């Protein structure tokens, strides 16, 4: 069954970027991402399944006790969608917030652009 953009946004946030188990994460990357998919954030540009896994592994290593939460309403149209998220210690207020913008390729993720909100002053 074809995956919807809404499903891809939810499952990528929790099953890829929020997944600490390496094997589960790699299985989810293969299921959700196009083989030549790209992930771009303000730090770098990652390509393919191994690049995406490397990006997430670095995030998990840097923030081992953090979890993602969804914020606000997901928006999607014509194969493009956005999801606002929070990232912080489980059960606490998010210390980092941002937006994922996803572009589909077929029924998988072709590109994901992550924008991190500036710190609150």
PDB file of N, CA and C in Angstrom:
ATOM      1  N   UNK A   1       0.836  -1.183   0.000  1.00  0.00           N
ATOM      2  CA  UNK A   1       0.000   0.000   0.000  1.00  0.00           C
ATOM      3  C   UNK A   1       0.883   1.250   0.000  1.00  0.00           C
ATOM      4  N   UNK A   2       0.513   2.234  -0.797  1.00  0.00           N
ATOM      5  CA  UNK A   2       1.270   3.472  -0.890  1.00  0.00           C
ATOM      6  C   UNK A   2       1.203   4.237   0.429  1.00  0.00           C
ATOM      7  N   UNK A   3       2.315   4.865   0.761  1.00  0.00           N
ATOM      8  CA  UNK A   3       2.385   5.651   1.977  1.00  0.00           C
ATOM      9  C   UNK A   3       1.962   7.087   1.678  1.00  0.00           C
ATOM     10  N   UNK A   4       1.258   7.695   2.599  1.00  0.00           N
ATOM     11  CA  UNK A   4       0.848   9.092   2.429  1.00  0.00           C
ATOM     12  C   UNK A   4       1.920  10.006   2.999  1.00  0.00           C
ATOM     13  N   UNK A   5       1.882  11.239   2.591  1.00  0.00           N
ATOM     14  CA  UNK A   5       2.842  12.199   3.123  1.00  0.00           C
ATOM     15  C   UNK A   5       2.673  12.365   4.632  1.00  0.00           C
ATOM     16  N   UNK A   6       1.424  12.312   5.102  1.00  0.00           N
ATOM     17  CA  UNK A   6       1.176  12.420   6.536  1.00  0.00           C
ATOM     18  C   UNK A   6       1.842  11.272   7.290  1.00  0.00           C
ATOM     19  N   UNK A   7       1.678  10.047   6.760  1.00  0.00           N
ATOM     20  CA  UNK A   7       2.295   8.873   7.377  1.00  0.00           C
ATOM     21  C   UNK A   7       3.813   9.002   7.367  1.00  0.00           C
ATOM     22  N   UNK A   8       4.372   9.431   6.241  1.00  0.00           N
ATOM     23  CA  UNK A   8       5.823   9.577   6.142  1.00  0.00           C
ATOM     24  C   UNK A   8       6.354  10.588   7.154  1.00  0.00           C
ATOM     25  N   UNK A   9       5.675  11.715   7.308  1.00  0.00           N
ATOM     26  CA  UNK A   9       6.125  12.722   8.272  1.00  0.00           C
ATOM     27  C   UNK A   9       6.107  12.185   9.697  1.00  0.00           C
ATOM     28  N   UNK A  10       5.003  11.546  10.088  1.00  0.00           N
ATOM     29  CA  UNK A  10       4.884  10.993  11.452  1.00  0.00           C
ATOM     30  C   UNK A  10       5.912   9.892  11.694  1.00  0.00           C
ATOM     31  N   UNK A  11       5.969   8.932  10.783  1.00  0.00           N
ATOM     32  CA  UNK A  11       6.838   7.772  10.990  1.00  0.00           C
ATOM     33  C   UNK A  11       8.314   8.139  10.891  1.00  0.00           C
ATOM     34  N   UNK A  12       8.663   9.110  10.072  1.00  0.00           N
ATOM     35  CA  UNK A  12      10.049   9.546  10.000  1.00  0.00           C
ATOM     36  C   UNK A  12      10.474  10.219  11.298  1.00  0.00           C
ATOM     37  N   UNK A  13       9.616  11.081  11.842  1.00  0.00           N
ATOM     38  CA  UNK A  13       9.961  11.775  13.080  1.00  0.00           C
ATOM     39  C   UNK A  13      10.196  10.788  14.214  1.00  0.00           C
ATOM     40  N   UNK A  14       9.292   9.823  14.365  1.00  0.00           N
ATOM     41  CA  UNK A  14       9.365   8.909  15.499  1.00  0.00           C
ATOM     42  C   UNK A  14      10.157   7.636  15.204  1.00  0.00           C
ATOM     43  N   UNK A  15       9.998   7.068  14.008  1.00  0.00           N
ATOM     44  CA  UNK A  15      10.609   5.785  13.691  1.00  0.00           C
ATOM     45  C   UNK A  15      12.006   5.874  13.112  1.00  0.00           C
ATOM     46  N   UNK A  16      12.409   7.072  12.684  1.00  0.00           N
ATOM     47  CA  UNK A  16      13.774   7.259  12.176  1.00  0.00           C
ATOM     48  C   UNK A  16      14.524   8.186  13.138  1.00  0.00           C
ATOM     49  N   UNK A  17      14.150   9.455  13.178  1.00  0.00           N
ATOM     50  CA  UNK A  17      14.891  10.412  14.000  1.00  0.00           C
ATOM     51  C   UNK A  17      14.698  10.197  15.495  1.00  0.00           C
ATOM     52  N   UNK A  18      13.600   9.602  15.886  1.00  0.00           N
ATOM     53  CA  UNK A  18      13.367   9.326  17.301  1.00  0.00           C
ATOM     54  C   UNK A  18      13.708   7.911  17.724  1.00  0.00           C
ATOM     55  N   UNK A  19      14.209   7.097  16.807  1.00  0.00           N
ATOM     56  CA  UNK A  19      14.486   5.679  17.104  1.00  0.00           C
ATOM     57  C   UNK A  19      15.935   5.489  17.546  1.00  0.00           C
ATOM     58  N   UNK A  20      16.127   4.984  18.750  1.00  0.00           N
ATOM     59  CA  UNK A  20      17.465   4.769  19.294  1.00  0.00           C
ATOM     60  C   UNK A  20      18.012   3.387  18.955  1.00  0.00           C
ATOM     61  N   UNK A  21      17.143   2.434  18.666  1.00  0.00           N
ATOM     62  CA  UNK A  21      17.588   1.092  18.293  1.00  0.00           C
ATOM     63  C   UNK A  21      18.088   1.125  16.843  1.00  0.00           C
ATOM     64  N   UNK A  22      19.374   0.822  16.656  1.00  0.00           N
ATOM     65  CA  UNK A  22      20.011   0.965  15.346  1.00  0.00           C
ATOM     66  C   UNK A  22      19.327   0.114  14.278  1.00  0.00           C
ATOM     67  N   UNK A  23      19.039  -1.142  14.581  1.00  0.00           N
ATOM     68  CA  UNK A  23      18.446  -2.026  13.576  1.00  0.00           C
ATOM     69  C   UNK A  23      17.032  -1.576  13.191  1.00  0.00           C
ATOM     70  N   UNK A  24      16.234  -1.195  14.180  1.00  0.00           N
ATOM     71  CA  UNK A  24      14.878  -0.702  13.888  1.00  0.00           C
ATOM     72  C   UNK A  24      14.957   0.567  13.035  1.00  0.00           C
ATOM     73  N   UNK A  25      15.881   1.452  13.382  1.00  0.00           N
ATOM     74  CA  UNK A  25      16.022   2.704  12.633  1.00  0.00           C
ATOM     75  C   UNK A  25      16.402   2.423  11.178  1.00  0.00           C
ATOM     76  N   UNK A  26      17.357   1.533  10.964  1.00  0.00           N
ATOM     77  CA  UNK A  26      17.784   1.222   9.599  1.00  0.00           C
ATOM     78  C   UNK A  26      16.669   0.556   8.800  1.00  0.00           C
ATOM     79  N   UNK A  27      15.885  -0.284   9.448  1.00  0.00           N
ATOM     80  CA  UNK A  27      14.736  -0.900   8.784  1.00  0.00           C
ATOM     81  C   UNK A  27      13.728   0.169   8.386  1.00  0.00           C
ATOM     82  N   UNK A  28      13.487   1.114   9.272  1.00  0.00           N
ATOM     83  CA  UNK A  28      12.549   2.196   8.977  1.00  0.00           C
ATOM     84  C   UNK A  28      13.068   3.119   7.881  1.00  0.00           C
ATOM     85  N   UNK A  29      14.357   3.394   7.869  1.00  0.00           N
ATOM     86  CA  UNK A  29      14.931   4.211   6.801  1.00  0.00           C
ATOM     87  C   UNK A  29      14.689   3.533   5.455  1.00  0.00           C
ATOM     88  N   UNK A  30      14.961   2.233   5.380  1.00  0.00           N
ATOM     89  CA  UNK A  30      14.776   1.495   4.121  1.00  0.00           C
ATOM     90  C   UNK A  30      13.316   1.504   3.683  1.00  0.00           C
ATOM     91  N   UNK A  31      12.395   1.458   4.637  1.00  0.00           N
ATOM     92  CA  UNK A  31      10.963   1.411   4.328  1.00  0.00           C
ATOM     93  C   UNK A  31      10.406   2.774   3.937  1.00  0.00           C
ATOM     94  N   UNK A  32      10.933   3.837   4.530  1.00  0.00           N
ATOM     95  CA  UNK A  32      10.360   5.170   4.359  1.00  0.00           C
ATOM     96  C   UNK A  32      11.084   6.052   3.345  1.00  0.00           C
ATOM     97  N   UNK A  33      12.378   5.843   3.172  1.00  0.00           N
ATOM     98  CA  UNK A  33      13.205   6.738   2.368  1.00  0.00           C
ATOM     99  C   UNK A  33      13.546   6.146   1.011  1.00  0.00           C
ATOM    100  N   UNK A  34      13.546   6.987  -0.033  1.00  0.00           N
ATOM    101  CA  UNK A  34      14.076   6.593  -1.336  1.00  0.00           C
ATOM    102  C   UNK A  34      15.571   6.332  -1.160  1.00  0.00           C
ATOM    103  N   UNK A  35      16.108   5.420  -1.941  1.00  0.00           N
ATOM    104  CA  UNK A  35      17.527   5.078  -1.807  1.00  0.00           C
ATOM    105  C   UNK A  35      18.441   6.276  -2.006  1.00  0.00           C
ATOM    106  N   UNK A  36      18.042   7.210  -2.852  1.00  0.00           N
ATOM    107  CA  UNK A  36      18.857   8.396  -3.103  1.00  0.00           C
ATOM    108  C   UNK A  36      18.306   9.626  -2.366  1.00  0.00           C
ATOM    109  N   UNK A  37      17.524   9.388  -1.313  1.00  0.00           N
ATOM    110  CA  UNK A  37      16.946  10.484  -0.542  1.00  0.00           C
ATOM    111  C   UNK A  37      18.008  11.362   0.091  1.00  0.00           C
ATOM    112  N   UNK A  38      17.660  12.632   0.302  1.00  0.00           N
ATOM    113  CA  UNK A  38      18.586  13.576   0.919  1.00  0.00           C
ATOM    114  C   UNK A  38      17.953  14.215   2.145  1.00  0.00           C
ATOM    115  N   UNK A  39      18.789  14.433   3.140  1.00  0.00           N
ATOM    116  CA  UNK A  39      18.398  15.137   4.363  1.00  0.00           C
ATOM    117  C   UNK A  39      19.314  16.343   4.498  1.00  0.00           C
ATOM    118  N   UNK A  40      18.701  17.521   4.644  1.00  0.00           N
ATOM    119  CA  UNK A  40      19.466  18.752   4.740  1.00  0.00           C
ATOM    120  C   UNK A  40      19.031  19.497   5.998  1.00  0.00           C
ATOM    121  N   UNK A  41      20.019  19.864   6.815  1.00  0.00           N
ATOM    122  CA  UNK A  41      19.758  20.741   7.950  1.00  0.00           C
ATOM    123  C   UNK A  41      20.812  21.841   7.942  1.00  0.00           C
ATOM    124  N   UNK A  42      20.806  22.682   8.957  1.00  0.00           N
ATOM    125  CA  UNK A  42      21.739  23.814   8.943  1.00  0.00           C
ATOM    126  C   UNK A  42      23.192  23.386   9.179  1.00  0.00           C
ATOM    127  N   UNK A  43      23.410  22.119   9.551  1.00  0.00           N
ATOM    128  CA  UNK A  43      24.765  21.625   9.763  1.00  0.00           C
ATOM    129  C   UNK A  43      25.367  20.998   8.515  1.00  0.00           C
ATOM    130  N   UNK A  44      24.553  20.261   7.773  1.00  0.00           N
ATOM    131  CA  UNK A  44      25.127  19.481   6.687  1.00  0.00           C
ATOM    132  C   UNK A  44      24.071  19.009   5.694  1.00  0.00           C
ATOM    133  N   UNK A  45      24.529  18.189   4.762  1.00  0.00           N
ATOM    134  CA  UNK A  45      23.714  17.600   3.704  1.00  0.00           C
ATOM    135  C   UNK A  45      24.068  16.112   3.690  1.00  0.00           C
ATOM    136  N   UNK A  46      23.077  15.236   3.864  1.00  0.00           N
ATOM    137  CA  UNK A  46      23.302  13.797   3.940  1.00  0.00           C
ATOM    138  C   UNK A  46      22.567  13.125   2.795  1.00  0.00           C
ATOM    139  N   UNK A  47      23.211  12.148   2.164  1.00  0.00           N
ATOM    140  CA  UNK A  47      22.606  11.465   1.023  1.00  0.00           C
ATOM    141  C   UNK A  47      22.519   9.969   1.258  1.00  0.00           C
ATOM    142  N   UNK A  48      21.431   9.380   0.767  1.00  0.00           N
ATOM    143  CA  UNK A  48      21.247   7.937   0.814  1.00  0.00           C
ATOM    144  C   UNK A  48      20.957   7.412   2.207  1.00  0.00           C
ATOM    145  N   UNK A  49      20.615   6.144   2.268  1.00  0.00           N
ATOM    146  CA  UNK A  49      20.243   5.515   3.532  1.00  0.00           C
ATOM    147  C   UNK A  49      21.364   5.594   4.563  1.00  0.00           C
ATOM    148  N   UNK A  50      22.607   5.349   4.151  1.00  0.00           N
ATOM    149  CA  UNK A  50      23.708   5.374   5.123  1.00  0.00           C
ATOM    150  C   UNK A  50      23.963   6.792   5.630  1.00  0.00           C
ATOM    151  N   UNK A  51      23.815   7.785   4.775  1.00  0.00           N
ATOM    152  CA  UNK A  51      24.001   9.167   5.205  1.00  0.00           C
ATOM    153  C   UNK A  51      22.936   9.598   6.202  1.00  0.00           C
ATOM    154  N   UNK A  52      21.703   9.209   5.948  1.00  0.00           N
ATOM    155  CA  UNK A  52      20.607   9.549   6.853  1.00  0.00           C
ATOM    156  C   UNK A  52      20.808   8.863   8.195  1.00  0.00           C
ATOM    157  N   UNK A  53      21.201   7.589   8.152  1.00  0.00           N
ATOM    158  CA  UNK A  53      21.473   6.855   9.394  1.00  0.00           C
ATOM    159  C   UNK A  53      22.605   7.526  10.170  1.00  0.00           C
ATOM    160  N   UNK A  54      23.629   7.971   9.483  1.00  0.00           N
ATOM    161  CA  UNK A  54      24.763   8.653  10.127  1.00  0.00           C
ATOM    162  C   UNK A  54      24.301   9.953  10.796  1.00  0.00           C
ATOM    163  N   UNK A  55      23.428  10.700  10.137  1.00  0.00           N
ATOM    164  CA  UNK A  55      22.914  11.946  10.709  1.00  0.00           C
ATOM    165  C   UNK A  55      22.136  11.667  11.990  1.00  0.00           C
ATOM    166  N   UNK A  56      21.278  10.651  11.956  1.00  0.00           N
ATOM    167  CA  UNK A  56      20.462  10.325  13.128  1.00  0.00           C
ATOM    168  C   UNK A  56      21.333   9.771  14.250  1.00  0.00           C
ATOM    169  N   UNK A  57      22.293   8.920  13.917  1.00  0.00           N
ATOM    170  CA  UNK A  57      23.187   8.357  14.938  1.00  0.00           C
ATOM    171  C   UNK A  57      23.908   9.465  15.696  1.00  0.00           C
ATOM    172  N   UNK A  58      24.343  10.509  14.989  1.00  0.00           N
ATOM    173  CA  UNK A  58      24.994  11.637  15.643  1.00  0.00           C
ATOM    174  C   UNK A  58      24.059  12.380  16.574  1.00  0.00           C
ATOM    175  N   UNK A  59      22.816  12.523  16.161  1.00  0.00           N
ATOM    176  CA  UNK A  59      21.811  13.188  16.989  1.00  0.00           C
ATOM    177  C   UNK A  59      21.535  12.381  18.255  1.00  0.00           C
ATOM    178  N   UNK A  60      21.360  11.075  18.108  1.00  0.00           N
ATOM    179  CA  UNK A  60      21.089  10.194  19.254  1.00  0.00           C
ATOM    180  C   UNK A  60      22.270  10.195  20.223  1.00  0.00           C
ATOM    181  N   UNK A  61      23.475  10.200  19.668  1.00  0.00           N
ATOM    182  CA  UNK A  61      24.672  10.217  20.522  1.00  0.00           C
ATOM    183  C   UNK A  61      24.775  11.524  21.309  1.00  0.00           C
ATOM    184  N   UNK A  62      24.453  12.625  20.659  1.00  0.00           N
ATOM    185  CA  UNK A  62      24.556  13.937  21.308  1.00  0.00           C
ATOM    186  C   UNK A  62      23.445  14.176  22.333  1.00  0.00           C
ATOM    187  N   UNK A  63      22.239  13.623  22.060  1.00  0.00           N
ATOM    188  CA  UNK A  63      21.081  13.841  22.931  1.00  0.00           C
ATOM    189  C   UNK A  63      20.422  12.497  23.269  1.00  0.00           C
ATOM    190  N   UNK A  64      21.075  11.643  24.053  1.00  0.00           N
ATOM    191  CA  UNK A  64      20.576  10.281  24.269  1.00  0.00           C
ATOM    192  C   UNK A  64      19.246  10.193  25.015  1.00  0.00           C
ATOM    193  N   UNK A  65      18.894  11.184  25.787  1.00  0.00           N
ATOM    194  CA  UNK A  65      17.655  11.124  26.578  1.00  0.00           C
ATOM    195  C   UNK A  65      16.543  12.004  26.028  1.00  0.00           C
ATOM    196  N   UNK A  66      16.731  12.539  24.824  1.00  0.00           N
ATOM    197  CA  UNK A  66      15.734  13.422  24.231  1.00  0.00           C
ATOM    198  C   UNK A  66      14.746  12.631  23.376  1.00  0.00           C
ATOM    199  N   UNK A  67      13.527  13.159  23.280  1.00  0.00           N
ATOM    200  CA  UNK A  67      12.495  12.575  22.426  1.00  0.00           C
ATOM    201  C   UNK A  67      11.853  13.686  21.595  1.00  0.00           C
ATOM    202  N   UNK A  68      11.277  13.276  20.474  1.00  0.00           N
ATOM    203  CA  UNK A  68      10.557  14.214  19.619  1.00  0.00           C
ATOM    204  C   UNK A  68       9.078  14.220  19.967  1.00  0.00           C
ATOM    205  N   UNK A  69       8.477  15.393  19.897  1.00  0.00           N
ATOM    206  CA  UNK A  69       7.032  15.536  20.031  1.00  0.00           C
ATOM    207  C   UNK A  69       6.539  16.356  18.846  1.00  0.00           C
ATOM    208  N   UNK A  70       5.325  16.076  18.435  1.00  0.00           N
ATOM    209  CA  UNK A  70       4.718  16.841  17.346  1.00  0.00           C
ATOM    210  C   UNK A  70       4.033  18.063  17.927  1.00  0.00           C
ATOM    211  N   UNK A  71       4.170  19.184  17.230  1.00  0.00           N
ATOM    212  CA  UNK A  71       3.551  20.431  17.667  1.00  0.00           C
ATOM    213  C   UNK A  71       2.716  20.975  16.524  1.00  0.00           C
ATOM    214  N   UNK A  72       1.547  21.427  16.837  1.00  0.00           N
ATOM    215  CA  UNK A  72       0.727  22.057  15.814  1.00  0.00           C
ATOM    216  C   UNK A  72       0.164  21.074  14.808  1.00  0.00           C
ATOM    217  N   UNK A  73      -0.424  21.637  13.800  1.00  0.00           N
ATOM    218  CA  UNK A  73      -1.119  20.880  12.757  1.00  0.00           C
ATOM    219  C   UNK A  73      -0.185  20.566  11.598  1.00  0.00           C
ATOM    220  N   UNK A  74      -0.139  19.331  11.195  1.00  0.00           N
ATOM    221  CA  UNK A  74       0.618  18.922  10.014  1.00  0.00           C
ATOM    222  C   UNK A  74      -0.067  19.523   8.787  1.00  0.00           C
ATOM    223  N   UNK A  75       0.717  19.984   7.825  1.00  0.00           N
ATOM    224  CA  UNK A  75       0.170  20.504   6.569  1.00  0.00           C
ATOM    225  C   UNK A  75       0.785  19.753   5.414  1.00  0.00           C
ATOM    226  N   UNK A  76      -0.046  19.376   4.438  1.00  0.00           N
ATOM    227  CA  UNK A  76       0.464  18.616   3.295  1.00  0.00           C
ATOM    228  C   UNK A  76      -0.384  18.895   2.058  1.00  0.00           C
ATOM    229  N   UNK A  77       0.286  18.944   0.911  1.00  0.00           N
ATOM    230  CA  UNK A  77      -0.398  19.065  -0.372  1.00  0.00           C
ATOM    231  C   UNK A  77       0.577  18.706  -1.493  1.00  0.00           C
ATOM    232  N   UNK A  78       0.078  18.058  -2.533  1.00  0.00           N
ATOM    233  CA  UNK A  78       0.833  17.765  -3.759  1.00  0.00           C
ATOM    234  C   UNK A  78       2.228  17.174  -3.515  1.00  0.00           C
ATOM    235  N   UNK A  79       2.327  16.244  -2.567  1.00  0.00           N
ATOM    236  CA  UNK A  79       3.600  15.571  -2.324  1.00  0.00           C
ATOM    237  C   UNK A  79       4.606  16.339  -1.489  1.00  0.00           C
ATOM    238  N   UNK A  80       4.160  17.424  -0.866  1.00  0.00           N
ATOM    239  CA  UNK A  80       5.017  18.213   0.017  1.00  0.00           C
ATOM    240  C   UNK A  80       4.278  18.393   1.332  1.00  0.00           C
ATOM    241  N   UNK A  81       5.002  18.298   2.445  1.00  0.00           N
ATOM    242  CA  UNK A  81       4.355  18.481   3.742  1.00  0.00           C
ATOM    243  C   UNK A  81       5.311  19.072   4.756  1.00  0.00           C
ATOM    244  N   UNK A  82       4.730  19.615   5.830  1.00  0.00           N
ATOM    245  CA  UNK A  82       5.545  20.153   6.913  1.00  0.00           C
ATOM    246  C   UNK A  82       4.968  19.740   8.252  1.00  0.00           C
ATOM    247  N   UNK A  83       5.872  19.525   9.176  1.00  0.00           N
ATOM    248  CA  UNK A  83       5.508  19.116  10.527  1.00  0.00           C
ATOM    249  C   UNK A  83       6.378  19.880  11.512  1.00  0.00           C
ATOM    250  N   UNK A  84       5.736  20.573  12.445  1.00  0.00           N
ATOM    251  CA  UNK A  84       6.457  21.271  13.511  1.00  0.00           C
ATOM    252  C   UNK A  84       6.743  20.267  14.623  1.00  0.00           C
ATOM    253  N   UNK A  85       7.924  20.338  15.218  1.00  0.00           N
ATOM    254  CA  UNK A  85       8.305  19.385  16.253  1.00  0.00           C
ATOM    255  C   UNK A  85       9.022  20.085  17.399  1.00  0.00           C
ATOM    256  N   UNK A  86       9.049  19.377  18.519  1.00  0.00           N
ATOM    257  CA  UNK A  86       9.840  19.782  19.676  1.00  0.00           C
ATOM    258  C   UNK A  86      10.774  18.636  20.026  1.00  0.00           C
ATOM    259  N   UNK A  87      11.891  18.937  20.666  1.00  0.00           N
ATOM    260  CA  UNK A  87      12.900  17.940  21.001  1.00  0.00           C
ATOM    261  C   UNK A  87      13.456  18.281  22.371  1.00  0.00           C
ATOM    262  N   UNK A  88      13.353  17.336  23.292  1.00  0.00           N
ATOM    263  CA  UNK A  88      13.854  17.575  24.637  1.00  0.00           C
ATOM    264  C   UNK A  88      13.742  16.330  25.483  1.00  0.00           C
ATOM    265  N   UNK A  89      14.136  16.437  26.754  1.00  0.00           N
ATOM    266  CA  UNK A  89      14.062  15.284  27.650  1.00  0.00           C
ATOM    267  C   UNK A  89      12.619  14.764  27.772  1.00  0.00           C
ATOM    268  N   UNK A  90      12.474  13.457  27.822  1.00  0.00           N
ATOM    269  CA  UNK A  90      11.141  12.836  27.926  1.00  0.00           C
ATOM    270  C   UNK A  90      10.385  13.416  29.116  1.00  0.00           C
ATOM    271  N   UNK A  91       9.129  13.792  28.873  1.00  0.00           N
ATOM    272  CA  UNK A  91       8.264  14.298  29.930  1.00  0.00           C
ATOM    273  C   UNK A  91       8.488  15.755  30.295  1.00  0.00           C
ATOM    274  N   UNK A  92       9.417  16.425  29.614  1.00  0.00           N
ATOM    275  CA  UNK A  92       9.705  17.829  29.907  1.00  0.00           C
ATOM    276  C   UNK A  92       9.422  18.685  28.678  1.00  0.00           C
ATOM    277  N   UNK A  93       9.436  19.992  28.879  1.00  0.00           N
ATOM    278  CA  UNK A  93       9.225  20.919  27.782  1.00  0.00           C
ATOM    279  C   UNK A  93      10.391  20.819  26.782  1.00  0.00           C
ATOM    280  N   UNK A  94      10.059  20.903  25.501  1.00  0.00           N
ATOM    281  CA  UNK A  94      11.082  20.834  24.453  1.00  0.00           C
ATOM    282  C   UNK A  94      12.074  21.977  24.610  1.00  0.00           C
ATOM    283  N   UNK A  95      13.356  21.663  24.439  1.00  0.00           N
ATOM    284  CA  UNK A  95      14.387  22.694  24.511  1.00  0.00           C
ATOM    285  C   UNK A  95      14.813  23.144  23.114  1.00  0.00           C
ATOM    286  N   UNK A  96      14.483  22.344  22.112  1.00  0.00           N
ATOM    287  CA  UNK A  96      14.765  22.676  20.719  1.00  0.00           C
ATOM    288  C   UNK A  96      13.467  22.490  19.946  1.00  0.00           C
ATOM    289  N   UNK A  97      13.150  23.418  19.081  1.00  0.00           N
ATOM    290  CA  UNK A  97      11.961  23.290  18.242  1.00  0.00           C
ATOM    291  C   UNK A  97      12.347  23.561  16.793  1.00  0.00           C
ATOM    292  N   UNK A  98      11.516  23.062  15.888  1.00  0.00           N
ATOM    293  CA  UNK A  98      11.795  23.281  14.481  1.00  0.00           C
ATOM    294  C   UNK A  98      10.694  22.766  13.590  1.00  0.00           C
ATOM    295  N   UNK A  99      10.997  22.731  12.312  1.00  0.00           N
ATOM    296  CA  UNK A  99      10.037  22.306  11.297  1.00  0.00           C
ATOM    297  C   UNK A  99      10.748  21.381  10.320  1.00  0.00           C
ATOM    298  N   UNK A 100      10.090  20.284   9.979  1.00  0.00           N
ATOM    299  CA  UNK A 100      10.542  19.419   8.895  1.00  0.00           C
ATOM    300  C   UNK A 100       9.685  19.689   7.672  1.00  0.00           C
ATOM    301  N   UNK A 101      10.319  19.876   6.530  1.00  0.00           N
ATOM    302  CA  UNK A 101       9.620  20.005   5.254  1.00  0.00           C
ATOM    303  C   UNK A 101      10.033  18.794   4.421  1.00  0.00           C
ATOM    304  N   UNK A 102       9.057  17.995   4.044  1.00  0.00           N
ATOM    305  CA  UNK A 102       9.298  16.730   3.357  1.00  0.00           C
ATOM    306  C   UNK A 102       8.777  16.804   1.929  1.00  0.00           C
ATOM    307  N   UNK A 103       9.576  16.275   1.000  1.00  0.00           N
ATOM    308  CA  UNK A 103       9.186  16.182  -0.400  1.00  0.00           C
ATOM    309  C   UNK A 103       9.193  14.704  -0.774  1.00  0.00           C
ATOM    310  N   UNK A 104       8.058  14.225  -1.271  1.00  0.00           N
ATOM    311  CA  UNK A 104       7.945  12.820  -1.641  1.00  0.00           C
ATOM    312  C   UNK A 104       8.623  12.538  -2.975  1.00  0.00           C
ATOM    313  N   UNK A 105       9.078  11.304  -3.105  1.00  0.00           N
ATOM    314  CA  UNK A 105       9.581  10.776  -4.375  1.00  0.00           C
ATOM    315  C   UNK A 105       8.904   9.417  -4.523  1.00  0.00           C
ATOM    316  N   UNK A 106       7.931   9.340  -5.420  1.00  0.00           N
ATOM    317  CA  UNK A 106       7.100   8.135  -5.481  1.00  0.00           C
ATOM    318  C   UNK A 106       6.285   8.068  -4.206  1.00  0.00           C
ATOM    319  N   UNK A 107       6.391   6.955  -3.487  1.00  0.00           N
ATOM    320  CA  UNK A 107       5.676   6.856  -2.211  1.00  0.00           C
ATOM    321  C   UNK A 107       6.637   6.838  -1.026  1.00  0.00           C
ATOM    322  N   UNK A 108       7.831   7.412  -1.226  1.00  0.00           N
ATOM    323  CA  UNK A 108       8.827   7.473  -0.151  1.00  0.00           C
ATOM    324  C   UNK A 108       9.314   8.908   0.014  1.00  0.00           C
ATOM    325  N   UNK A 109      10.188   9.103   0.983  1.00  0.00           N
ATOM    326  CA  UNK A 109      10.777  10.418   1.219  1.00  0.00           C
ATOM    327  C   UNK A 109      11.913  10.625   0.229  1.00  0.00           C
ATOM    328  N   UNK A 110      11.791  11.661  -0.574  1.00  0.00           N
ATOM    329  CA  UNK A 110      12.858  12.008  -1.504  1.00  0.00           C
ATOM    330  C   UNK A 110      13.809  13.029  -0.911  1.00  0.00           C
ATOM    331  N   UNK A 111      13.253  13.949  -0.117  1.00  0.00           N
ATOM    332  CA  UNK A 111      14.074  14.975   0.525  1.00  0.00           C
ATOM    333  C   UNK A 111      13.393  15.441   1.799  1.00  0.00           C
ATOM    334  N   UNK A 112      14.210  15.737   2.797  1.00  0.00           N
ATOM    335  CA  UNK A 112      13.720  16.295   4.050  1.00  0.00           C
ATOM    336  C   UNK A 112      14.613  17.473   4.402  1.00  0.00           C
ATOM    337  N   UNK A 113      13.990  18.633   4.585  1.00  0.00           N
ATOM    338  CA  UNK A 113      14.690  19.852   4.966  1.00  0.00           C
ATOM    339  C   UNK A 113      14.256  20.213   6.375  1.00  0.00           C
ATOM    340  N   UNK A 114      15.218  20.341   7.277  1.00  0.00           N
ATOM    341  CA  UNK A 114      14.917  20.635   8.673  1.00  0.00           C
ATOM    342  C   UNK A 114      15.377  22.046   9.013  1.00  0.00           C
ATOM    343  N   UNK A 115      14.458  22.818   9.567  1.00  0.00           N
ATOM    344  CA  UNK A 115      14.742  24.176  10.013  1.00  0.00           C
ATOM    345  C   UNK A 115      14.603  24.200  11.533  1.00  0.00           C
ATOM    346  N   UNK A 116      15.666  24.579  12.222  1.00  0.00           N
ATOM    347  CA  UNK A 116      15.647  24.684  13.677  1.00  0.00           C
ATOM    348  C   UNK A 116      15.338  26.128  14.046  1.00  0.00           C
ATOM    349  N   UNK A 117      14.381  26.294  14.963  1.00  0.00           N
ATOM    350  CA  UNK A 117      14.019  27.639  15.395  1.00  0.00           C
ATOM    351  C   UNK A 117      15.153  28.269  16.191  1.00  0.00           C
ATOM    352  N   UNK A 118      15.354  29.585  16.058  1.00  0.00           N
ATOM    353  CA  UNK A 118      16.386  30.247  16.865  1.00  0.00           C
ATOM    354  C   UNK A 118      16.002  30.175  18.346  1.00  0.00           C
ATOM    355  N   UNK A 119      16.996  30.179  19.225  1.00  0.00           N
ATOM    356  CA  UNK A 119      16.694  30.150  20.670  1.00  0.00           C
ATOM    357  C   UNK A 119      15.840  31.344  21.073  1.00  0.00           C
ATOM    358  N   UNK A 120      14.960  31.112  22.032  1.00  0.00           N
ATOM    359  CA  UNK A 120      14.116  32.192  22.564  1.00  0.00           C
ATOM    360  C   UNK A 120      14.987  33.139  23.381  1.00  0.00           C
ATOM    361  N   UNK A 121      14.724  34.437  23.223  1.00  0.00           N
ATOM    362  CA  UNK A 121      15.504  35.446  23.979  1.00  0.00           C
ATOM    363  C   UNK A 121      14.780  35.863  25.212  1.00  0.00           C
TER     364      UNK A 121
END
